Amino acid sequence: MIENRPFLKILAHLVLILGVATVAFPIWIAFVAATHDEDRMSQIPLPLLPGSHFWENLDIALNQGLWGGDGTGVAFMLMNSMIMALMIAFGKITISLMSAFAIVYFKFPFRMGFFWLIFITLMLPVEVRILPTFEVVANLGMLNTYWGLTIPLIASATATFMFRQVFLTIPDELLEAARIDGAGPLRFFKDILIPMSQTNIAALFVILFIYGWNQYLWPLLVTTDQDMYTIVVQIKSMLESAEQAPEWNLIMMTTLLAMLPPVVVVIFMQRLFVKGLTETEK
């Protein structure tokens, strides 16, 4: 018999509410700051309720920039971040699918050795090999380009391992049936493996999109032209530019804009994301 203890239920709900409030409070402060003008944000105490300058700050942040419109808006920086995140996500998924397919379904010498060689690259993230990687990108003339932003980050041992495990759960009878029907390796890959891996692809896409969107160190190194800045790099530069005092209302508005695309991706792909991480059978 399960005892009904209202006190424990209330305590559990209070703990959960406190946890949610702790996580949400900084986001609320950012939103409130984005709705006030510069003068109000320089006064103490800071406001805790929204103001009336939200749309004005949004227009300035997107199209004009800091310091009375003399700066550069962040609309094209959002586009740069979007292109970078999508290229990294699609690139990692494509290369990982093909490499996992080759390792699982093609019998060639040292195939497991190649797999472990790929897996060992987990110990060499871009931060560890940043100097030689930067030299290669610079020598190839890819500074201030989308290719320079994305190609060094595309390879993914984690995604290759994940798809290898997915492919190993697919019955060999499907491969034999495809051969009997006259399907070649590419047809089997396109018509059977990819549709059966859709939830895993969706889950991985969410993770990789956020990974690409939040990149800071690598874009900071390979972009010297402001037209190629990403939104994350821009937020940092807004805090340090010139000798001006930070315009917190515009900085917080830019922060909210930077948060929006990852949140939208997670919300719209939440069902596939959860299913892809928890699915164990095909």
C-alpha atoms as a PDB file:
ATOM      1  CA  MET A   1       0.000   0.000   0.000  1.00  0.00           C
ATOM      2  CA  ILE A   2       1.336   3.399  -1.024  1.00  0.00           C
ATOM      3  CA  GLU A   3       0.962   6.039   1.643  1.00  0.00           C
ATOM      4  CA  ASN A   4      -0.463   9.398   0.627  1.00  0.00           C
ATOM      5  CA  ARG A   5       1.792  12.077   2.064  1.00  0.00           C
ATOM      6  CA  PRO A   6       0.616  15.540   0.990  1.00  0.00           C
ATOM      7  CA  PHE A   7       3.585  17.207   2.674  1.00  0.00           C
ATOM      8  CA  LEU A   8       6.110  15.303   0.536  1.00  0.00           C
ATOM      9  CA  LYS A   9       4.103  16.060  -2.615  1.00  0.00           C
ATOM     10  CA  ILE A  10       4.037  19.762  -1.790  1.00  0.00           C
ATOM     11  CA  LEU A  11       7.752  19.718  -0.959  1.00  0.00           C
ATOM     12  CA  ALA A  12       8.564  18.007  -4.258  1.00  0.00           C
ATOM     13  CA  HIS A  13       6.573  20.595  -6.195  1.00  0.00           C
ATOM     14  CA  LEU A  14       8.277  23.429  -4.332  1.00  0.00           C
ATOM     15  CA  VAL A  15      11.701  22.026  -5.171  1.00  0.00           C
ATOM     16  CA  LEU A  16      10.736  21.690  -8.842  1.00  0.00           C
ATOM     17  CA  ILE A  17       9.330  25.221  -8.949  1.00  0.00           C
ATOM     18  CA  LEU A  18      12.482  26.561  -7.302  1.00  0.00           C
ATOM     19  CA  GLY A  19      14.640  24.759  -9.864  1.00  0.00           C
ATOM     20  CA  VAL A  20      12.628  26.114 -12.798  1.00  0.00           C
ATOM     21  CA  ALA A  21      12.717  29.617 -11.327  1.00  0.00           C
ATOM     22  CA  THR A  22      16.494  29.430 -10.864  1.00  0.00           C
ATOM     23  CA  VAL A  23      16.974  28.466 -14.512  1.00  0.00           C
ATOM     24  CA  ALA A  24      14.405  30.914 -15.887  1.00  0.00           C
ATOM     25  CA  PHE A  25      15.356  33.977 -13.814  1.00  0.00           C
ATOM     26  CA  PRO A  26      18.424  35.009 -15.890  1.00  0.00           C
ATOM     27  CA  ILE A  27      16.342  34.655 -19.071  1.00  0.00           C
ATOM     28  CA  TRP A  28      13.637  36.830 -17.547  1.00  0.00           C
ATOM     29  CA  ILE A  29      16.213  39.484 -16.584  1.00  0.00           C
ATOM     30  CA  ALA A  30      17.549  39.453 -20.159  1.00  0.00           C
ATOM     31  CA  PHE A  31      14.024  39.913 -21.504  1.00  0.00           C
ATOM     32  CA  VAL A  32      13.259  42.737 -19.073  1.00  0.00           C
ATOM     33  CA  ALA A  33      16.522  44.499 -19.936  1.00  0.00           C
ATOM     34  CA  ALA A  34      15.663  44.222 -23.635  1.00  0.00           C
ATOM     35  CA  THR A  35      12.416  46.134 -23.057  1.00  0.00           C
ATOM     36  CA  HIS A  36      13.926  49.232 -21.393  1.00  0.00           C
ATOM     37  CA  ASP A  37      16.031  52.090 -22.703  1.00  0.00           C
ATOM     38  CA  GLU A  38      19.692  52.728 -21.969  1.00  0.00           C
ATOM     39  CA  ASP A  39      19.046  55.325 -19.261  1.00  0.00           C
ATOM     40  CA  ARG A  40      16.814  53.012 -17.226  1.00  0.00           C
ATOM     41  CA  MET A  41      19.336  50.169 -17.417  1.00  0.00           C
ATOM     42  CA  SER A  42      22.032  52.415 -15.957  1.00  0.00           C
ATOM     43  CA  GLN A  43      19.968  53.105 -12.842  1.00  0.00           C
ATOM     44  CA  ILE A  44      19.832  51.106  -9.612  1.00  0.00           C
ATOM     45  CA  PRO A  45      17.908  49.054  -8.717  1.00  0.00           C
ATOM     46  CA  LEU A  46      17.553  47.247 -12.031  1.00  0.00           C
ATOM     47  CA  PRO A  47      13.973  46.762 -13.236  1.00  0.00           C
ATOM     48  CA  LEU A  48      12.215  43.438 -12.757  1.00  0.00           C
ATOM     49  CA  LEU A  49       9.165  44.236 -14.883  1.00  0.00           C
ATOM     50  CA  PRO A  50       9.076  44.754 -18.682  1.00  0.00           C
ATOM     51  CA  GLY A  51       9.248  48.235 -20.157  1.00  0.00           C
ATOM     52  CA  SER A  52       7.888  49.785 -23.353  1.00  0.00           C
ATOM     53  CA  HIS A  53      10.985  49.862 -25.601  1.00  0.00           C
ATOM     54  CA  PHE A  54      10.992  46.255 -26.830  1.00  0.00           C
ATOM     55  CA  TRP A  55      10.225  46.924 -30.506  1.00  0.00           C
ATOM     56  CA  GLU A  56      12.493  49.946 -30.611  1.00  0.00           C
ATOM     57  CA  ASN A  57      15.415  47.942 -29.197  1.00  0.00           C
ATOM     58  CA  LEU A  58      14.628  45.075 -31.577  1.00  0.00           C
ATOM     59  CA  ASP A  59      14.816  47.370 -34.603  1.00  0.00           C
ATOM     60  CA  ILE A  60      18.072  48.955 -33.427  1.00  0.00           C
ATOM     61  CA  ALA A  61      19.709  45.595 -32.637  1.00  0.00           C
ATOM     62  CA  LEU A  62      18.704  44.027 -35.961  1.00  0.00           C
ATOM     63  CA  ASN A  63      19.319  46.905 -38.327  1.00  0.00           C
ATOM     64  CA  GLN A  64      21.413  49.658 -36.725  1.00  0.00           C
ATOM     65  CA  GLY A  65      23.650  48.406 -33.937  1.00  0.00           C
ATOM     66  CA  LEU A  66      25.107  50.062 -30.867  1.00  0.00           C
ATOM     67  CA  TRP A  67      25.762  53.662 -29.910  1.00  0.00           C
ATOM     68  CA  GLY A  68      22.886  55.497 -31.500  1.00  0.00           C
ATOM     69  CA  GLY A  69      22.821  53.510 -34.718  1.00  0.00           C
ATOM     70  CA  ASP A  70      26.486  54.052 -35.641  1.00  0.00           C
ATOM     71  CA  GLY A  71      27.295  50.361 -35.320  1.00  0.00           C
ATOM     72  CA  THR A  72      26.268  47.383 -37.425  1.00  0.00           C
ATOM     73  CA  GLY A  73      23.050  45.456 -36.948  1.00  0.00           C
ATOM     74  CA  VAL A  74      23.107  41.783 -36.101  1.00  0.00           C
ATOM     75  CA  ALA A  75      20.627  40.536 -38.721  1.00  0.00           C
ATOM     76  CA  PHE A  76      23.364  39.288 -41.066  1.00  0.00           C
ATOM     77  CA  MET A  77      25.275  37.831 -38.092  1.00  0.00           C
ATOM     78  CA  LEU A  78      22.218  35.721 -37.297  1.00  0.00           C
ATOM     79  CA  MET A  79      22.309  34.572 -40.915  1.00  0.00           C
ATOM     80  CA  ASN A  80      26.029  33.728 -40.600  1.00  0.00           C
ATOM     81  CA  SER A  81      25.368  31.674 -37.477  1.00  0.00           C
ATOM     82  CA  MET A  82      22.422  29.931 -39.146  1.00  0.00           C
ATOM     83  CA  ILE A  83      24.458  29.003 -42.230  1.00  0.00           C
ATOM     84  CA  MET A  84      27.364  27.804 -40.084  1.00  0.00           C
ATOM     85  CA  ALA A  85      25.156  25.711 -37.793  1.00  0.00           C
ATOM     86  CA  LEU A  86      23.259  24.115 -40.699  1.00  0.00           C
ATOM     87  CA  MET A  87      26.441  23.338 -42.646  1.00  0.00           C
ATOM     88  CA  ILE A  88      28.035  21.740 -39.588  1.00  0.00           C
ATOM     89  CA  ALA A  89      24.913  19.707 -38.732  1.00  0.00           C
ATOM     90  CA  PHE A  90      24.264  18.449 -42.266  1.00  0.00           C
ATOM     91  CA  GLY A  91      27.974  17.897 -42.928  1.00  0.00           C
ATOM     92  CA  LYS A  92      28.530  15.879 -39.769  1.00  0.00           C
ATOM     93  CA  ILE A  93      25.410  13.763 -40.352  1.00  0.00           C
ATOM     94  CA  THR A  94      26.245  13.077 -44.014  1.00  0.00           C
ATOM     95  CA  ILE A  95      29.859  12.093 -43.400  1.00  0.00           C
ATOM     96  CA  SER A  96      28.978  10.035 -40.317  1.00  0.00           C
ATOM     97  CA  LEU A  97      26.222   8.134 -42.145  1.00  0.00           C
ATOM     98  CA  MET A  98      28.537   7.219 -44.991  1.00  0.00           C
ATOM     99  CA  SER A  99      31.472   6.248 -42.762  1.00  0.00           C
ATOM    100  CA  ALA A 100      29.254   4.112 -40.487  1.00  0.00           C
ATOM    101  CA  PHE A 101      27.696   2.461 -43.545  1.00  0.00           C
ATOM    102  CA  ALA A 102      31.131   1.592 -44.913  1.00  0.00           C
ATOM    103  CA  ILE A 103      32.376   0.208 -41.593  1.00  0.00           C
ATOM    104  CA  VAL A 104      29.309  -1.972 -40.964  1.00  0.00           C
ATOM    105  CA  TYR A 105      28.390  -3.275 -44.425  1.00  0.00           C
ATOM    106  CA  PHE A 106      31.679  -3.450 -46.340  1.00  0.00           C
ATOM    107  CA  LYS A 107      34.257  -6.111 -45.538  1.00  0.00           C
ATOM    108  CA  PHE A 108      37.709  -4.644 -46.101  1.00  0.00           C
ATOM    109  CA  PRO A 109      41.043  -5.142 -44.297  1.00  0.00           C
ATOM    110  CA  PHE A 110      41.556  -3.255 -41.055  1.00  0.00           C
ATOM    111  CA  ARG A 111      38.016  -1.856 -41.070  1.00  0.00           C
ATOM    112  CA  MET A 112      37.793  -2.012 -37.266  1.00  0.00           C
ATOM    113  CA  GLY A 113      41.193  -0.375 -37.083  1.00  0.00           C
ATOM    114  CA  PHE A 114      39.872   2.503 -39.166  1.00  0.00           C
ATOM    115  CA  PHE A 115      36.819   2.714 -36.917  1.00  0.00           C
ATOM    116  CA  TRP A 116      38.946   2.978 -33.780  1.00  0.00           C
ATOM    117  CA  LEU A 117      41.181   5.494 -35.551  1.00  0.00           C
ATOM    118  CA  ILE A 118      38.076   7.618 -36.135  1.00  0.00           C
ATOM    119  CA  PHE A 119      36.949   7.083 -32.543  1.00  0.00           C
ATOM    120  CA  ILE A 120      40.334   8.169 -31.133  1.00  0.00           C
ATOM    121  CA  THR A 121      39.840  11.600 -32.729  1.00  0.00           C
ATOM    122  CA  LEU A 122      37.477  12.308 -29.806  1.00  0.00           C
ATOM    123  CA  MET A 123      40.658  13.078 -27.882  1.00  0.00           C
ATOM    124  CA  LEU A 124      41.611  15.725 -30.465  1.00  0.00           C
ATOM    125  CA  PRO A 125      38.898  18.402 -30.484  1.00  0.00           C
ATOM    126  CA  VAL A 126      39.491  21.565 -32.451  1.00  0.00           C
ATOM    127  CA  GLU A 127      40.757  23.364 -29.332  1.00  0.00           C
ATOM    128  CA  VAL A 128      43.672  20.888 -29.087  1.00  0.00           C
ATOM    129  CA  ARG A 129      44.685  21.119 -32.761  1.00  0.00           C
ATOM    130  CA  ILE A 130      43.719  24.733 -33.256  1.00  0.00           C
ATOM    131  CA  LEU A 131      47.116  26.071 -34.419  1.00  0.00           C
ATOM    132  CA  PRO A 132      47.791  23.524 -37.213  1.00  0.00           C
ATOM    133  CA  THR A 133      44.129  23.656 -38.239  1.00  0.00           C
ATOM    134  CA  PHE A 134      44.244  27.431 -38.480  1.00  0.00           C
ATOM    135  CA  GLU A 135      47.455  27.245 -40.549  1.00  0.00           C
ATOM    136  CA  VAL A 136      45.855  24.812 -42.994  1.00  0.00           C
ATOM    137  CA  VAL A 137      42.734  26.961 -43.335  1.00  0.00           C
ATOM    138  CA  ALA A 138      44.832  30.103 -43.850  1.00  0.00           C
ATOM    139  CA  ASN A 139      47.075  28.431 -46.462  1.00  0.00           C
ATOM    140  CA  LEU A 140      43.994  27.279 -48.375  1.00  0.00           C
ATOM    141  CA  GLY A 141      42.623  30.813 -48.423  1.00  0.00           C
ATOM    142  CA  MET A 142      39.504  29.949 -46.442  1.00  0.00           C
ATOM    143  CA  LEU A 143      39.700  32.701 -43.824  1.00  0.00           C
ATOM    144  CA  ASN A 144      36.526  34.796 -43.682  1.00  0.00           C
ATOM    145  CA  THR A 145      34.552  32.159 -45.587  1.00  0.00           C
ATOM    146  CA  TYR A 146      31.786  29.756 -44.633  1.00  0.00           C
ATOM    147  CA  TRP A 147      34.015  26.849 -45.666  1.00  0.00           C
ATOM    148  CA  GLY A 148      36.697  27.967 -43.232  1.00  0.00           C
ATOM    149  CA  LEU A 149      34.089  28.271 -40.480  1.00  0.00           C
ATOM    150  CA  THR A 150      32.637  24.803 -40.998  1.00  0.00           C
ATOM    151  CA  ILE A 151      34.983  22.285 -42.660  1.00  0.00           C
ATOM    152  CA  PRO A 152      37.373  21.890 -39.666  1.00  0.00           C
ATOM    153  CA  LEU A 153      34.335  21.148 -37.427  1.00  0.00           C
ATOM    154  CA  ILE A 154      32.465  18.739 -39.702  1.00  0.00           C
ATOM    155  CA  ALA A 155      34.085  15.378 -38.892  1.00  0.00           C
ATOM    156  CA  SER A 156      32.367  13.667 -35.943  1.00  0.00           C
ATOM    157  CA  ALA A 157      33.518  10.450 -34.286  1.00  0.00           C
ATOM    158  CA  THR A 158      30.527  10.554 -31.927  1.00  0.00           C
ATOM    159  CA  ALA A 159      28.008  10.622 -34.781  1.00  0.00           C
ATOM    160  CA  THR A 160      29.873   7.838 -36.605  1.00  0.00           C
ATOM    161  CA  PHE A 161      29.762   5.666 -33.488  1.00  0.00           C
ATOM    162  CA  MET A 162      26.065   6.406 -32.988  1.00  0.00           C
ATOM    163  CA  PHE A 163      25.092   5.463 -36.546  1.00  0.00           C
ATOM    164  CA  ARG A 164      27.298   2.363 -36.407  1.00  0.00           C
ATOM    165  CA  GLN A 165      25.371   1.176 -33.358  1.00  0.00           C
ATOM    166  CA  VAL A 166      22.076   1.909 -35.129  1.00  0.00           C
ATOM    167  CA  PHE A 167      23.096  -0.020 -38.245  1.00  0.00           C
ATOM    168  CA  LEU A 168      24.210  -3.008 -36.150  1.00  0.00           C
ATOM    169  CA  THR A 169      20.657  -3.332 -34.803  1.00  0.00           C
ATOM    170  CA  ILE A 170      19.176  -3.657 -38.302  1.00  0.00           C
ATOM    171  CA  PRO A 171      18.583  -7.344 -39.187  1.00  0.00           C
ATOM    172  CA  ASP A 172      20.847  -8.909 -41.811  1.00  0.00           C
ATOM    173  CA  GLU A 173      17.733 -10.315 -43.458  1.00  0.00           C
ATOM    174  CA  LEU A 174      16.945  -6.840 -44.780  1.00  0.00           C
ATOM    175  CA  LEU A 175      20.293  -6.721 -46.538  1.00  0.00           C
ATOM    176  CA  GLU A 176      19.742 -10.178 -48.037  1.00  0.00           C
ATOM    177  CA  ALA A 177      16.226  -9.229 -49.149  1.00  0.00           C
ATOM    178  CA  ALA A 178      17.556  -6.079 -50.803  1.00  0.00           C
ATOM    179  CA  ARG A 179      20.184  -8.118 -52.660  1.00  0.00           C
ATOM    180  CA  ILE A 180      17.577 -10.598 -53.860  1.00  0.00           C
ATOM    181  CA  ASP A 181      15.455  -7.721 -55.162  1.00  0.00           C
ATOM    182  CA  GLY A 182      18.467  -6.405 -57.065  1.00  0.00           C
ATOM    183  CA  ALA A 183      19.184  -3.369 -54.903  1.00  0.00           C
ATOM    184  CA  GLY A 184      22.801  -2.245 -54.856  1.00  0.00           C
ATOM    185  CA  PRO A 185      24.629  -0.793 -51.845  1.00  0.00           C
ATOM    186  CA  LEU A 186      23.582   2.798 -52.555  1.00  0.00           C
ATOM    187  CA  ARG A 187      19.943   1.796 -53.071  1.00  0.00           C
ATOM    188  CA  PHE A 188      19.997  -0.156 -49.795  1.00  0.00           C
ATOM    189  CA  PHE A 189      21.576   2.835 -48.071  1.00  0.00           C
ATOM    190  CA  LYS A 190      19.074   5.353 -49.467  1.00  0.00           C
ATOM    191  CA  ASP A 191      15.840   3.359 -49.330  1.00  0.00           C
ATOM    192  CA  ILE A 192      16.304   1.270 -46.180  1.00  0.00           C
ATOM    193  CA  LEU A 193      19.020   2.533 -43.843  1.00  0.00           C
ATOM    194  CA  ILE A 194      18.264   6.251 -43.984  1.00  0.00           C
ATOM    195  CA  PRO A 195      14.463   5.889 -43.471  1.00  0.00           C
ATOM    196  CA  MET A 196      15.069   3.530 -40.548  1.00  0.00           C
ATOM    197  CA  SER A 197      17.491   6.035 -39.001  1.00  0.00           C
ATOM    198  CA  GLN A 198      15.279   9.118 -39.291  1.00  0.00           C
ATOM    199  CA  THR A 199      14.664   9.544 -35.563  1.00  0.00           C
ATOM    200  CA  ASN A 200      18.364   9.167 -34.803  1.00  0.00           C
ATOM    201  CA  ILE A 201      19.200  11.671 -37.532  1.00  0.00           C
ATOM    202  CA  ALA A 202      16.683  14.124 -36.072  1.00  0.00           C
ATOM    203  CA  ALA A 203      18.071  13.748 -32.541  1.00  0.00           C
ATOM    204  CA  LEU A 204      21.613  14.199 -33.783  1.00  0.00           C
ATOM    205  CA  PHE A 205      20.603  17.201 -35.887  1.00  0.00           C
ATOM    206  CA  VAL A 206      19.306  19.034 -32.803  1.00  0.00           C
ATOM    207  CA  ILE A 207      22.525  18.376 -30.879  1.00  0.00           C
ATOM    208  CA  LEU A 208      24.805  19.318 -33.775  1.00  0.00           C
ATOM    209  CA  PHE A 209      22.827  22.433 -34.688  1.00  0.00           C
ATOM    210  CA  ILE A 210      23.199  23.765 -31.145  1.00  0.00           C
ATOM    211  CA  TYR A 211      26.877  22.740 -31.166  1.00  0.00           C
ATOM    212  CA  GLY A 212      27.484  24.714 -34.364  1.00  0.00           C
ATOM    213  CA  TRP A 213      25.396  27.680 -33.253  1.00  0.00           C
ATOM    214  CA  ASN A 214      27.299  28.065 -29.959  1.00  0.00           C
ATOM    215  CA  GLN A 215      30.791  27.940 -31.476  1.00  0.00           C
ATOM    216  CA  TYR A 216      32.901  30.859 -30.263  1.00  0.00           C
ATOM    217  CA  LEU A 217      36.651  30.207 -30.306  1.00  0.00           C
ATOM    218  CA  TRP A 218      36.978  28.940 -33.879  1.00  0.00           C
ATOM    219  CA  PRO A 219      34.842  31.686 -35.523  1.00  0.00           C
ATOM    220  CA  LEU A 220      36.751  34.257 -33.480  1.00  0.00           C
ATOM    221  CA  LEU A 221      40.028  33.060 -35.015  1.00  0.00           C
ATOM    222  CA  VAL A 222      39.056  32.626 -38.660  1.00  0.00           C
ATOM    223  CA  THR A 223      36.901  35.747 -39.086  1.00  0.00           C
ATOM    224  CA  THR A 224      38.530  39.163 -39.207  1.00  0.00           C
ATOM    225  CA  ASP A 225      35.874  40.718 -41.457  1.00  0.00           C
ATOM    226  CA  GLN A 226      32.835  41.892 -39.497  1.00  0.00           C
ATOM    227  CA  ASP A 227      30.585  40.695 -42.343  1.00  0.00           C
ATOM    228  CA  MET A 228      31.504  37.119 -41.366  1.00  0.00           C
ATOM    229  CA  TYR A 229      31.021  37.467 -37.602  1.00  0.00           C
ATOM    230  CA  THR A 230      28.637  35.050 -35.942  1.00  0.00           C
ATOM    231  CA  ILE A 231      26.112  36.201 -33.383  1.00  0.00           C
ATOM    232  CA  VAL A 232      28.024  34.607 -30.474  1.00  0.00           C
ATOM    233  CA  VAL A 233      31.227  36.434 -31.420  1.00  0.00           C
ATOM    234  CA  GLN A 234      29.273  39.658 -31.795  1.00  0.00           C
ATOM    235  CA  ILE A 235      27.810  39.441 -28.295  1.00  0.00           C
ATOM    236  CA  LYS A 236      31.287  39.186 -26.834  1.00  0.00           C
ATOM    237  CA  SER A 237      32.574  42.087 -28.933  1.00  0.00           C
ATOM    238  CA  MET A 238      29.612  44.231 -27.879  1.00  0.00           C
ATOM    239  CA  LEU A 239      30.831  43.999 -24.284  1.00  0.00           C
ATOM    240  CA  GLU A 240      34.370  45.127 -25.139  1.00  0.00           C
ATOM    241  CA  SER A 241      34.071  47.499 -28.101  1.00  0.00           C
ATOM    242  CA  ALA A 242      35.820  50.861 -27.853  1.00  0.00           C
ATOM    243  CA  GLU A 243      35.561  52.850 -24.653  1.00  0.00           C
ATOM    244  CA  GLN A 244      31.796  53.137 -24.630  1.00  0.00           C
ATOM    245  CA  ALA A 245      29.742  51.970 -21.676  1.00  0.00           C
ATOM    246  CA  PRO A 246      27.842  48.777 -22.504  1.00  0.00           C
ATOM    247  CA  GLU A 247      24.323  49.401 -23.790  1.00  0.00           C
ATOM    248  CA  TRP A 248      22.766  46.576 -21.834  1.00  0.00           C
ATOM    249  CA  ASN A 249      19.354  46.936 -23.403  1.00  0.00           C
ATOM    250  CA  LEU A 250      20.763  46.225 -26.873  1.00  0.00           C
ATOM    251  CA  ILE A 251      23.151  43.563 -25.611  1.00  0.00           C
ATOM    252  CA  MET A 252      20.325  41.694 -23.917  1.00  0.00           C
ATOM    253  CA  MET A 253      18.145  42.053 -27.016  1.00  0.00           C
ATOM    254  CA  THR A 254      20.947  40.530 -29.089  1.00  0.00           C
ATOM    255  CA  THR A 255      21.241  37.739 -26.535  1.00  0.00           C
ATOM    256  CA  LEU A 256      17.525  36.976 -26.860  1.00  0.00           C
ATOM    257  CA  LEU A 257      17.868  36.896 -30.654  1.00  0.00           C
ATOM    258  CA  ALA A 258      20.804  34.508 -30.323  1.00  0.00           C
ATOM    259  CA  MET A 259      18.734  32.197 -28.100  1.00  0.00           C
ATOM    260  CA  LEU A 260      15.742  32.068 -30.431  1.00  0.00           C
ATOM    261  CA  PRO A 261      16.872  29.723 -33.285  1.00  0.00           C
ATOM    262  CA  PRO A 262      18.124  26.887 -31.005  1.00  0.00           C
ATOM    263  CA  VAL A 263      14.936  27.128 -28.938  1.00  0.00           C
ATOM    264  CA  VAL A 264      12.795  26.930 -32.086  1.00  0.00           C
ATOM    265  CA  VAL A 265      14.734  23.894 -33.351  1.00  0.00           C
ATOM    266  CA  VAL A 266      14.348  22.085 -30.016  1.00  0.00           C
ATOM    267  CA  ILE A 267      10.629  22.874 -29.761  1.00  0.00           C
ATOM    268  CA  PHE A 268       9.741  21.769 -33.293  1.00  0.00           C
ATOM    269  CA  MET A 269      11.906  18.643 -33.173  1.00  0.00           C
ATOM    270  CA  GLN A 270      11.284  17.710 -29.539  1.00  0.00           C
ATOM    271  CA  ARG A 271       9.251  14.589 -30.284  1.00  0.00           C
ATOM    272  CA  LEU A 272      11.770  13.176 -32.768  1.00  0.00           C
ATOM    273  CA  PHE A 273      14.638  14.233 -30.503  1.00  0.00           C
ATOM    274  CA  VAL A 274      13.324  12.316 -27.496  1.00  0.00           C
ATOM    275  CA  LYS A 275      12.350   9.323 -29.626  1.00  0.00           C
ATOM    276  CA  GLY A 276      15.769   9.218 -31.269  1.00  0.00           C
ATOM    277  CA  LEU A 277      17.555   9.183 -27.903  1.00  0.00           C
ATOM    278  CA  THR A 278      15.282   6.578 -26.269  1.00  0.00           C
ATOM    279  CA  GLU A 279      14.471   4.244 -29.166  1.00  0.00           C
ATOM    280  CA  THR A 280      16.129   0.859 -28.689  1.00  0.00           C
ATOM    281  CA  GLU A 281      14.371  -1.339 -31.235  1.00  0.00           C
ATOM    282  CA  LYS A 282      13.785  -1.048 -34.940  1.00  0.00           C
END
